[in-house]
Amino acid sequence: MYLDVDLSSHPAAIALREPDDFKAFKVVRRGEGDLAAALGAVGRVGDEDHVFLLPDAVRALAGARGGDAGWLEGFAAMLDYAGQHGWVADDGAVRAHVERA
């Protein structure tokens, strides 16, 4: 799954794409602009190459899928894997790599 952040629109458009792919967690940044402002309540910028996304916000962006038991199980497994590799901050936010499109 990845978070698609289109900074070229005003306000920035954020959408969760490929929500059933629990193996590729990233942010795809399109356009130029303030990524931190665009993320808002979804997460925060960690450094130039990473952001930290809040699991509850990602779940909400998944829409109806975010309430499905099978989806929640896959998401929990992904979060567990991230935690085992040190990719989860103290507040529970999960690190995601930022790619430019």
N, C-alpha and C. Protein backbone atom coordinates (compact mmCIF):
# COMPACT_ATOMS: atom_id res chain seq x y z
N MET A 1 0.84 -1.17 0.00
CA MET A 1 0.00 0.00 0.00
C MET A 1 0.88 1.23 0.00
N TYR A 2 0.35 2.26 -0.55
CA TYR A 2 1.10 3.50 -0.50
C TYR A 2 0.14 4.68 -0.41
N LEU A 3 0.67 5.74 0.20
CA LEU A 3 -0.07 6.98 0.33
C LEU A 3 0.33 7.86 -0.84
N ASP A 4 -0.64 8.22 -1.65
CA ASP A 4 -0.42 9.08 -2.81
C ASP A 4 -0.72 10.51 -2.37
N VAL A 5 0.30 11.36 -2.37
CA VAL A 5 0.15 12.76 -1.95
C VAL A 5 0.42 13.65 -3.15
N ASP A 6 -0.63 14.29 -3.63
CA ASP A 6 -0.51 15.18 -4.79
C ASP A 6 -0.44 16.62 -4.29
N LEU A 7 0.78 17.15 -4.30
CA LEU A 7 1.01 18.50 -3.81
C LEU A 7 0.69 19.56 -4.85
N SER A 8 0.41 19.13 -6.08
CA SER A 8 0.12 20.10 -7.13
C SER A 8 -1.32 20.61 -7.08
N SER A 9 -2.18 19.92 -6.35
CA SER A 9 -3.56 20.39 -6.20
C SER A 9 -3.67 21.20 -4.91
N HIS A 10 -4.67 22.06 -4.86
CA HIS A 10 -4.86 22.92 -3.68
C HIS A 10 -6.28 22.77 -3.18
N PRO A 11 -6.52 22.22 -2.01
CA PRO A 11 -5.49 21.68 -1.11
C PRO A 11 -4.90 20.39 -1.68
N ALA A 12 -3.81 19.96 -1.09
CA ALA A 12 -3.15 18.73 -1.53
C ALA A 12 -4.13 17.56 -1.40
N ALA A 13 -4.07 16.65 -2.36
CA ALA A 13 -4.94 15.48 -2.35
C ALA A 13 -4.16 14.29 -1.80
N ILE A 14 -4.79 13.57 -0.87
CA ILE A 14 -4.16 12.39 -0.26
C ILE A 14 -5.09 11.21 -0.46
N ALA A 15 -4.55 10.10 -0.94
CA ALA A 15 -5.34 8.89 -1.14
C ALA A 15 -4.48 7.67 -0.84
N LEU A 16 -5.10 6.64 -0.29
CA LEU A 16 -4.41 5.38 -0.06
C LEU A 16 -4.61 4.51 -1.29
N ARG A 17 -3.52 4.07 -1.88
CA ARG A 17 -3.57 3.24 -3.09
C ARG A 17 -3.09 1.82 -2.74
N GLU A 18 -3.61 0.85 -3.47
CA GLU A 18 -3.25 -0.56 -3.28
C GLU A 18 -3.32 -0.96 -1.80
N PRO A 19 -4.46 -0.75 -1.16
CA PRO A 19 -4.57 -0.98 0.28
C PRO A 19 -4.38 -2.43 0.72
N ASP A 20 -4.43 -3.37 -0.21
CA ASP A 20 -4.26 -4.77 0.16
C ASP A 20 -2.82 -5.26 0.00
N ASP A 21 -1.91 -4.39 -0.42
CA ASP A 21 -0.51 -4.75 -0.55
C ASP A 21 0.21 -4.36 0.73
N PHE A 22 0.38 -5.33 1.62
CA PHE A 22 1.00 -5.06 2.91
C PHE A 22 2.52 -5.19 2.88
N LYS A 23 3.08 -5.40 1.71
CA LYS A 23 4.53 -5.60 1.58
C LYS A 23 5.27 -4.33 1.16
N ALA A 24 4.56 -3.32 0.68
CA ALA A 24 5.21 -2.11 0.17
C ALA A 24 4.55 -0.88 0.77
N PHE A 25 5.06 -0.44 1.90
CA PHE A 25 4.49 0.72 2.59
C PHE A 25 5.36 1.93 2.28
N LYS A 26 4.79 2.91 1.58
CA LYS A 26 5.55 4.09 1.18
C LYS A 26 4.62 5.27 0.94
N VAL A 27 5.23 6.41 0.68
CA VAL A 27 4.51 7.61 0.28
C VAL A 27 5.03 8.01 -1.09
N VAL A 28 4.12 8.24 -2.02
CA VAL A 28 4.50 8.74 -3.34
C VAL A 28 4.11 10.22 -3.37
N ARG A 29 5.12 11.04 -3.51
CA ARG A 29 4.95 12.50 -3.50
C ARG A 29 4.91 13.00 -4.93
N ARG A 30 3.83 13.68 -5.28
CA ARG A 30 3.68 14.23 -6.63
C ARG A 30 3.65 15.76 -6.53
N GLY A 31 4.44 16.41 -7.36
CA GLY A 31 4.45 17.86 -7.36
C GLY A 31 5.33 18.45 -6.28
N GLU A 32 5.37 19.76 -6.27
CA GLU A 32 6.19 20.49 -5.30
C GLU A 32 5.26 21.17 -4.30
N GLY A 33 5.72 21.26 -3.09
CA GLY A 33 4.93 21.90 -2.05
C GLY A 33 5.35 21.41 -0.69
N ASP A 34 4.62 21.81 0.30
CA ASP A 34 4.93 21.52 1.70
C ASP A 34 4.33 20.18 2.10
N LEU A 35 5.14 19.14 2.09
CA LEU A 35 4.67 17.80 2.44
C LEU A 35 4.17 17.74 3.87
N ALA A 36 4.86 18.40 4.78
CA ALA A 36 4.45 18.39 6.19
C ALA A 36 3.04 18.97 6.35
N ALA A 37 2.78 20.07 5.69
CA ALA A 37 1.44 20.68 5.77
C ALA A 37 0.40 19.78 5.12
N ALA A 38 0.75 19.14 4.03
CA ALA A 38 -0.20 18.27 3.34
C ALA A 38 -0.56 17.06 4.19
N LEU A 39 0.41 16.52 4.91
CA LEU A 39 0.13 15.34 5.74
C LEU A 39 -0.83 15.67 6.87
N GLY A 40 -0.68 16.84 7.45
CA GLY A 40 -1.58 17.26 8.52
C GLY A 40 -1.72 16.21 9.61
N ALA A 41 -2.94 15.75 9.86
CA ALA A 41 -3.23 14.79 10.91
C ALA A 41 -2.88 13.35 10.53
N VAL A 42 -2.44 13.14 9.29
CA VAL A 42 -2.10 11.78 8.83
C VAL A 42 -0.73 11.36 9.34
N GLY A 43 0.17 12.31 9.49
CA GLY A 43 1.51 11.98 9.94
C GLY A 43 2.42 13.18 9.93
N ARG A 44 3.71 12.91 9.92
CA ARG A 44 4.70 13.98 9.98
C ARG A 44 5.93 13.59 9.18
N VAL A 45 6.68 14.58 8.77
CA VAL A 45 7.92 14.36 8.05
C VAL A 45 9.00 13.99 9.06
N GLY A 46 9.74 12.94 8.75
CA GLY A 46 10.86 12.53 9.60
C GLY A 46 12.15 13.16 9.13
N ASP A 47 12.45 12.97 7.85
CA ASP A 47 13.60 13.57 7.19
C ASP A 47 13.26 13.67 5.71
N GLU A 48 14.24 13.99 4.89
CA GLU A 48 13.96 14.20 3.47
C GLU A 48 13.43 12.94 2.78
N ASP A 49 13.81 11.77 3.28
CA ASP A 49 13.44 10.52 2.63
C ASP A 49 12.36 9.71 3.34
N HIS A 50 11.91 10.16 4.51
CA HIS A 50 10.94 9.37 5.28
C HIS A 50 9.89 10.25 5.94
N VAL A 51 8.72 9.66 6.11
CA VAL A 51 7.66 10.26 6.91
C VAL A 51 7.21 9.23 7.93
N PHE A 52 6.48 9.68 8.92
CA PHE A 52 5.89 8.79 9.90
C PHE A 52 4.38 8.95 9.81
N LEU A 53 3.69 7.86 9.52
CA LEU A 53 2.24 7.88 9.34
C LEU A 53 1.55 7.23 10.53
N LEU A 54 0.46 7.82 10.97
CA LEU A 54 -0.29 7.30 12.10
C LEU A 54 -1.20 6.16 11.63
N PRO A 55 -1.10 5.00 12.28
CA PRO A 55 -1.90 3.85 11.86
C PRO A 55 -3.41 4.14 11.79
N ASP A 56 -3.95 4.87 12.75
CA ASP A 56 -5.39 5.17 12.72
C ASP A 56 -5.76 5.98 11.49
N ALA A 57 -4.88 6.89 11.08
CA ALA A 57 -5.15 7.70 9.88
C ALA A 57 -5.08 6.84 8.63
N VAL A 58 -4.12 5.92 8.57
CA VAL A 58 -4.02 5.02 7.41
C VAL A 58 -5.27 4.14 7.35
N ARG A 59 -5.69 3.63 8.49
CA ARG A 59 -6.90 2.81 8.56
C ARG A 59 -8.11 3.59 8.05
N ALA A 60 -8.23 4.84 8.44
CA ALA A 60 -9.34 5.68 7.99
C ALA A 60 -9.28 5.92 6.48
N LEU A 61 -8.08 6.11 5.94
CA LEU A 61 -7.93 6.32 4.51
C LEU A 61 -8.28 5.06 3.71
N ALA A 62 -8.25 3.91 4.36
CA ALA A 62 -8.60 2.65 3.69
C ALA A 62 -10.11 2.53 3.48
N GLY A 63 -10.88 3.43 4.06
CA GLY A 63 -12.33 3.41 3.89
C GLY A 63 -12.94 2.15 4.44
N ALA A 64 -13.86 1.54 3.70
CA ALA A 64 -14.55 0.33 4.16
C ALA A 64 -13.58 -0.82 4.41
N ARG A 65 -12.47 -0.86 3.66
CA ARG A 65 -11.48 -1.93 3.85
C ARG A 65 -10.91 -1.86 5.26
N GLY A 66 -10.80 -0.68 5.82
CA GLY A 66 -10.23 -0.50 7.15
C GLY A 66 -11.05 -1.10 8.27
N GLY A 67 -12.27 -1.54 7.97
CA GLY A 67 -13.10 -2.20 8.97
C GLY A 67 -13.24 -3.69 8.73
N ASP A 68 -12.62 -4.19 7.67
CA ASP A 68 -12.69 -5.61 7.32
C ASP A 68 -11.72 -6.41 8.19
N ALA A 69 -12.19 -7.51 8.77
CA ALA A 69 -11.36 -8.31 9.68
C ALA A 69 -10.10 -8.82 9.00
N GLY A 70 -10.20 -9.29 7.76
CA GLY A 70 -9.03 -9.79 7.05
C GLY A 70 -8.03 -8.69 6.78
N TRP A 71 -8.53 -7.52 6.40
CA TRP A 71 -7.64 -6.39 6.14
C TRP A 71 -6.94 -5.96 7.43
N LEU A 72 -7.71 -5.89 8.52
CA LEU A 72 -7.13 -5.50 9.80
C LEU A 72 -6.04 -6.47 10.24
N GLU A 73 -6.23 -7.74 9.97
CA GLU A 73 -5.23 -8.75 10.32
C GLU A 73 -3.94 -8.51 9.51
N GLY A 74 -4.08 -8.28 8.21
CA GLY A 74 -2.91 -8.00 7.39
C GLY A 74 -2.21 -6.71 7.79
N PHE A 75 -2.98 -5.69 8.13
CA PHE A 75 -2.42 -4.41 8.55
C PHE A 75 -1.67 -4.58 9.88
N ALA A 76 -2.25 -5.33 10.80
CA ALA A 76 -1.60 -5.57 12.10
C ALA A 76 -0.29 -6.33 11.90
N ALA A 77 -0.27 -7.30 10.99
CA ALA A 77 0.96 -8.04 10.71
C ALA A 77 2.02 -7.11 10.12
N MET A 78 1.61 -6.20 9.25
CA MET A 78 2.54 -5.24 8.66
C MET A 78 3.13 -4.34 9.75
N LEU A 79 2.28 -3.87 10.66
CA LEU A 79 2.75 -3.02 11.75
C LEU A 79 3.70 -3.78 12.67
N ASP A 80 3.39 -5.04 12.92
CA ASP A 80 4.25 -5.87 13.75
C ASP A 80 5.62 -6.03 13.10
N TYR A 81 5.64 -6.29 11.81
CA TYR A 81 6.89 -6.42 11.06
C TYR A 81 7.69 -5.12 11.15
N ALA A 82 7.02 -4.00 10.96
CA ALA A 82 7.69 -2.70 11.05
C ALA A 82 8.29 -2.50 12.44
N GLY A 83 7.55 -2.89 13.46
CA GLY A 83 8.04 -2.75 14.82
C GLY A 83 9.28 -3.59 15.08
N GLN A 84 9.32 -4.79 14.51
CA GLN A 84 10.48 -5.67 14.68
C GLN A 84 11.74 -5.10 14.03
N HIS A 85 11.57 -4.22 13.07
CA HIS A 85 12.70 -3.64 12.37
C HIS A 85 13.02 -2.21 12.82
N GLY A 86 12.35 -1.75 13.87
CA GLY A 86 12.63 -0.42 14.41
C GLY A 86 12.03 0.72 13.61
N TRP A 87 10.98 0.41 12.84
CA TRP A 87 10.37 1.42 11.98
C TRP A 87 9.12 2.03 12.59
N VAL A 88 8.93 1.89 13.88
CA VAL A 88 7.77 2.45 14.56
C VAL A 88 8.27 3.40 15.65
N ALA A 89 7.77 4.62 15.62
CA ALA A 89 8.16 5.63 16.60
C ALA A 89 7.47 5.37 17.94
N ASP A 90 7.91 6.07 18.96
CA ASP A 90 7.34 5.90 20.30
C ASP A 90 5.84 6.16 20.34
N ASP A 91 5.34 7.05 19.47
CA ASP A 91 3.91 7.35 19.46
C ASP A 91 3.11 6.39 18.58
N GLY A 92 3.78 5.37 18.03
CA GLY A 92 3.08 4.38 17.20
C GLY A 92 3.08 4.69 15.73
N ALA A 93 3.58 5.86 15.33
CA ALA A 93 3.63 6.22 13.91
C ALA A 93 4.64 5.32 13.20
N VAL A 94 4.31 4.93 11.97
CA VAL A 94 5.11 3.99 11.21
C VAL A 94 5.91 4.74 10.13
N ARG A 95 7.19 4.44 10.05
CA ARG A 95 8.05 5.08 9.07
C ARG A 95 7.75 4.57 7.68
N ALA A 96 7.68 5.47 6.73
CA ALA A 96 7.46 5.13 5.33
C ALA A 96 8.45 5.90 4.47
N HIS A 97 9.00 5.22 3.50
CA HIS A 97 9.92 5.84 2.55
C HIS A 97 9.13 6.76 1.62
N VAL A 98 9.73 7.89 1.24
CA VAL A 98 9.11 8.84 0.33
C VAL A 98 9.74 8.69 -1.05
N GLU A 99 8.89 8.49 -2.05
CA GLU A 99 9.34 8.45 -3.44
C GLU A 99 8.74 9.65 -4.16
N ARG A 100 9.50 10.21 -5.07
CA ARG A 100 8.99 11.31 -5.90
C ARG A 100 8.49 10.75 -7.22
N ALA A 101 7.32 11.19 -7.62
CA ALA A 101 6.76 10.72 -8.89
C ALA A 101 6.93 11.77 -9.96
